[in-house]
């Protein structure tokens, strides 16, 4: 999806709130709302695995149209503000292409809506420092396109190697699908266990990684998003 306006927003207030580990870094503008401030404070706290890198992360807000218009998009794209950070160019370009792809797909589908029907997309992003040099981004989307919709998508980037690792590479174990299915069945119970046998758990978009766990976000019947967590220890890959 293409955006009409983009303003770089950095977060000095959040760096102060998140504590001394993140106190250094770039000068940042205040968040746009109390909700954004609270969410990004949690996000920055989660980046303590790599505080030097966390202090250089910012959010680029993307906006197209206005609420109530035929097409309205409000999205977030994480960005490493310091171009000298190793892997910053690859991370920023990978995230830019990913977000633009999501927006382009939404816009294309919106063109088929009947006259007078609105299309709205709100796409938010949270960043997790998995280990030094590895960032994992969790996107959540919700909106209206004829009917209401929700979905989640994950994207993990290895800054040192300049690539997007597969779940198998992140887990470092070929048996990870078996463990994921078992965790999913335990979390969802017998009534929804069939949801664990589909392709979603094997899709890289389903996964985000944190320092101590891997999380798959599944869309269940009724548009409910559920997180399935596995213990995870980053390998020295």
Protein backbone atom coordinates (compact mmCIF):
# COMPACT_ATOMS: atom_id res chain seq x y z
CA UNK A 1 0.00 0.00 0.00
CA UNK A 2 1.29 3.44 -0.88
CA UNK A 3 1.12 6.19 1.59
CA UNK A 4 0.49 9.83 0.80
CA UNK A 5 2.24 11.37 3.79
CA UNK A 6 5.02 10.09 6.02
CA UNK A 7 6.52 11.90 8.99
CA UNK A 8 9.42 10.47 10.97
CA UNK A 9 8.48 10.25 14.63
CA UNK A 10 11.11 9.52 17.29
CA UNK A 11 10.41 8.96 20.94
CA UNK A 12 12.59 10.81 23.50
CA UNK A 13 9.91 10.69 26.18
CA UNK A 14 9.76 6.91 25.89
CA UNK A 15 13.51 6.56 26.07
CA UNK A 16 13.42 8.36 29.38
CA UNK A 17 10.50 6.33 30.73
CA UNK A 18 12.02 3.01 29.66
CA UNK A 19 14.95 3.51 32.00
CA UNK A 20 18.67 4.22 31.88
CA UNK A 21 19.48 1.31 29.57
CA UNK A 22 17.67 3.18 26.79
CA UNK A 23 18.37 6.72 27.89
CA UNK A 24 20.96 7.40 25.21
CA UNK A 25 19.98 7.81 21.59
CA UNK A 26 18.26 10.12 19.18
CA UNK A 27 16.15 13.13 20.05
CA UNK A 28 12.52 12.14 19.61
CA UNK A 29 9.14 13.81 19.30
CA UNK A 30 6.33 12.96 21.66
CA UNK A 31 3.99 10.12 20.81
CA UNK A 32 0.64 10.98 19.29
CA UNK A 33 -1.59 9.62 22.04
CA UNK A 34 -1.53 8.19 25.54
CA UNK A 35 -2.28 4.75 24.07
CA UNK A 36 0.68 5.01 21.69
CA UNK A 37 2.90 6.19 24.53
CA UNK A 38 1.96 3.25 26.75
CA UNK A 39 2.41 0.70 23.97
CA UNK A 40 5.75 2.08 22.84
CA UNK A 41 7.01 2.30 26.39
CA UNK A 42 6.36 -1.44 26.70
CA UNK A 43 8.03 -1.95 23.35
CA UNK A 44 11.17 -0.07 24.34
CA UNK A 45 11.34 -1.98 27.61
CA UNK A 46 11.30 -5.19 25.57
CA UNK A 47 14.34 -3.98 23.62
CA UNK A 48 16.69 -4.21 26.59
CA UNK A 49 18.29 -7.27 24.98
CA UNK A 50 20.04 -4.76 22.70
CA UNK A 51 19.71 -1.32 24.33
CA UNK A 52 22.10 0.46 21.98
CA UNK A 53 20.04 -0.63 18.99
CA UNK A 54 16.74 -0.11 20.77
CA UNK A 55 17.62 3.53 21.37
CA UNK A 56 17.96 4.01 17.61
CA UNK A 57 14.58 2.61 16.65
CA UNK A 58 11.79 4.91 15.61
CA UNK A 59 8.40 4.66 13.97
CA UNK A 60 7.42 6.12 10.61
CA UNK A 61 3.65 6.77 10.60
CA UNK A 62 1.95 6.40 7.22
CA UNK A 63 -1.42 8.01 6.54
CA UNK A 64 -3.65 8.09 3.49
CA UNK A 65 -7.12 9.61 3.36
CA UNK A 66 -9.24 10.59 6.34
CA UNK A 67 -11.52 8.64 8.69
CA UNK A 68 -14.89 8.17 7.01
CA UNK A 69 -13.49 8.59 3.50
CA UNK A 70 -13.83 5.85 0.90
CA UNK A 71 -10.24 4.81 1.63
CA UNK A 72 -8.43 5.43 4.91
CA UNK A 73 -5.08 3.95 5.89
CA UNK A 74 -3.07 4.50 9.05
CA UNK A 75 0.05 2.36 9.33
CA UNK A 76 3.35 2.17 11.20
CA UNK A 77 6.73 1.20 9.84
CA UNK A 78 9.64 0.62 12.24
CA UNK A 79 12.93 2.13 11.17
CA UNK A 80 16.50 2.29 12.46
CA UNK A 81 17.17 6.02 12.55
CA UNK A 82 20.97 5.82 12.56
CA UNK A 83 22.19 4.82 9.07
CA UNK A 84 25.59 3.92 10.54
CA UNK A 85 24.04 1.04 12.51
CA UNK A 86 25.16 -2.25 10.91
CA UNK A 87 22.27 -3.69 8.93
CA UNK A 88 20.15 -0.53 9.16
CA UNK A 89 19.78 -0.10 5.40
CA UNK A 90 18.69 -3.71 4.92
CA UNK A 91 16.27 -3.57 7.86
CA UNK A 92 14.71 -0.30 6.72
CA UNK A 93 14.33 -1.43 3.11
CA UNK A 94 12.92 -4.83 4.13
CA UNK A 95 10.34 -3.21 6.40
CA UNK A 96 9.49 -0.57 3.80
CA UNK A 97 8.82 -3.19 1.13
CA UNK A 98 6.83 -5.36 3.53
CA UNK A 99 4.56 -2.53 4.67
CA UNK A 100 4.11 -1.16 1.16
CA UNK A 101 3.15 -4.65 0.03
CA UNK A 102 0.48 -4.90 2.73
CA UNK A 103 -0.91 -1.50 1.81
CA UNK A 104 -0.86 -2.22 -1.92
CA UNK A 105 -2.82 -5.44 -1.41
CA UNK A 106 -5.38 -3.63 0.72
CA UNK A 107 -5.79 -0.84 -1.82
CA UNK A 108 -6.20 -3.27 -4.71
CA UNK A 109 -8.93 -5.21 -2.89
CA UNK A 110 -10.67 -1.96 -1.93
CA UNK A 111 -11.16 -1.00 -5.58
CA UNK A 112 -13.70 -3.82 -5.95
CA UNK A 113 -15.99 -2.49 -3.22
CA UNK A 114 -19.40 -1.12 -4.26
CA UNK A 115 -19.82 2.64 -4.42
CA UNK A 116 -20.43 4.17 -1.01
CA UNK A 117 -18.71 1.39 0.92
CA UNK A 118 -15.69 2.41 3.00
CA UNK A 119 -12.33 0.68 3.30
CA UNK A 120 -10.20 1.28 6.40
CA UNK A 121 -6.92 -0.27 7.52
CA UNK A 122 -5.08 0.33 10.80
CA UNK A 123 -1.68 -1.39 10.85
CA UNK A 124 0.47 -1.20 14.00
CA UNK A 125 3.93 -2.61 14.65
CA UNK A 126 5.93 -3.67 17.72
CA UNK A 127 9.63 -4.53 17.64
CA UNK A 128 11.42 -7.15 19.75
CA UNK A 129 15.20 -7.51 20.10
CA UNK A 130 15.66 -11.27 19.96
CA UNK A 131 19.42 -11.17 20.43
CA UNK A 132 22.15 -8.70 19.47
CA UNK A 133 21.68 -7.97 15.79
CA UNK A 134 18.33 -9.75 15.38
CA UNK A 135 15.03 -7.85 15.41
CA UNK A 136 11.56 -9.35 15.14
CA UNK A 137 8.58 -7.20 14.20
CA UNK A 138 4.96 -8.05 15.02
CA UNK A 139 2.31 -6.37 12.88
CA UNK A 140 -1.35 -6.25 13.82
CA UNK A 141 -3.98 -5.12 11.32
CA UNK A 142 -7.65 -4.40 11.70
CA UNK A 143 -10.19 -2.53 9.69
CA UNK A 144 -13.17 -2.70 7.39
CA UNK A 145 -13.38 -3.77 3.77
CA UNK A 146 -17.00 -4.63 3.24
CA UNK A 147 -16.77 -6.65 6.46
CA UNK A 148 -14.53 -6.18 9.47
CA UNK A 149 -11.21 -8.00 9.42
CA UNK A 150 -8.17 -8.66 11.59
CA UNK A 151 -4.84 -10.32 10.94
CA UNK A 152 -1.31 -10.53 12.28
CA UNK A 153 2.01 -10.85 10.49
CA UNK A 154 5.54 -11.29 11.77
CA UNK A 155 8.86 -10.41 10.14
CA UNK A 156 12.29 -11.20 11.60
CA UNK A 157 15.51 -9.61 10.32
CA UNK A 158 19.11 -10.64 10.95
CA UNK A 159 20.99 -7.33 10.73
CA UNK A 160 24.46 -8.86 10.78
CA UNK A 161 23.82 -11.21 7.88
CA UNK A 162 21.48 -8.89 6.01
CA UNK A 163 18.76 -11.48 5.53
CA UNK A 164 15.38 -12.69 6.73
CA UNK A 165 15.90 -16.03 8.50
CA UNK A 166 13.36 -18.83 8.25
CA UNK A 167 11.61 -20.18 11.36
CA UNK A 168 13.70 -23.35 11.05
CA UNK A 169 16.88 -21.26 11.14
CA UNK A 170 15.63 -19.29 14.12
CA UNK A 171 14.62 -22.41 16.06
CA UNK A 172 17.76 -24.25 14.98
CA UNK A 173 15.90 -27.55 15.19
CA UNK A 174 14.11 -29.44 12.42
CA UNK A 175 11.54 -30.73 14.92
CA UNK A 176 10.15 -27.27 15.67
CA UNK A 177 6.86 -27.84 13.74
CA UNK A 178 6.06 -30.80 16.01
CA UNK A 179 6.68 -28.69 19.11
CA UNK A 180 4.61 -25.85 17.67
CA UNK A 181 1.64 -28.09 16.91
CA UNK A 182 1.78 -29.63 20.38
CA UNK A 183 1.87 -26.20 22.03
CA UNK A 184 -0.99 -25.04 19.82
CA UNK A 185 -3.20 -28.01 20.68
CA UNK A 186 -2.53 -27.51 24.38
CA UNK A 187 -3.36 -23.80 24.17
CA UNK A 188 -6.51 -24.14 22.07
CA UNK A 189 -7.93 -27.32 23.56
CA UNK A 190 -9.79 -30.15 21.81
CA UNK A 191 -12.55 -27.99 20.34
CA UNK A 192 -10.11 -25.94 18.25
CA UNK A 193 -7.22 -28.37 17.87
CA UNK A 194 -7.94 -28.73 14.14
CA UNK A 195 -6.76 -25.13 13.72
CA UNK A 196 -3.27 -26.34 14.62
CA UNK A 197 -3.04 -28.70 11.65
CA UNK A 198 -3.31 -26.07 8.91
CA UNK A 199 -0.44 -24.31 7.10
CA UNK A 200 -0.45 -21.27 9.38
CA UNK A 201 2.05 -22.61 11.92
CA UNK A 202 4.54 -23.33 9.13
CA UNK A 203 4.20 -19.85 7.64
CA UNK A 204 7.02 -17.47 8.59
CA UNK A 205 4.46 -14.63 8.73
CA UNK A 206 2.82 -16.29 11.71
CA UNK A 207 5.89 -15.99 13.95
CA UNK A 208 7.59 -13.35 16.02
CA UNK A 209 10.58 -14.05 18.25
CA UNK A 210 11.50 -12.66 21.65
CA UNK A 211 14.57 -13.37 23.82
CA UNK A 212 12.83 -16.19 25.69
CA UNK A 213 9.92 -17.30 23.55
CA UNK A 214 8.64 -17.66 20.01
CA UNK A 215 5.04 -16.63 19.42
CA UNK A 216 2.72 -17.65 16.59
CA UNK A 217 -0.42 -15.56 16.16
CA UNK A 218 -3.32 -17.48 14.63
CA UNK A 219 -6.62 -16.15 13.34
CA UNK A 220 -9.38 -18.40 14.68
CA UNK A 221 -13.01 -18.69 13.57
CA UNK A 222 -14.83 -15.50 14.47
CA UNK A 223 -11.76 -13.38 13.69
CA UNK A 224 -10.21 -14.02 17.10
CA UNK A 225 -6.42 -13.70 17.23
CA UNK A 226 -4.72 -16.14 19.61
CA UNK A 227 -1.05 -16.32 20.51
CA UNK A 228 0.70 -19.69 20.77
CA UNK A 229 4.00 -19.44 22.66
CA UNK A 230 7.00 -21.78 22.68
CA UNK A 231 10.11 -21.52 24.87
CA UNK A 232 12.90 -20.13 22.71
CA UNK A 233 16.60 -19.53 23.19
CA UNK A 234 18.39 -17.73 20.37
CA UNK A 235 21.14 -19.79 18.81
CA UNK A 236 24.45 -18.21 17.89
CA UNK A 237 23.63 -18.19 14.20
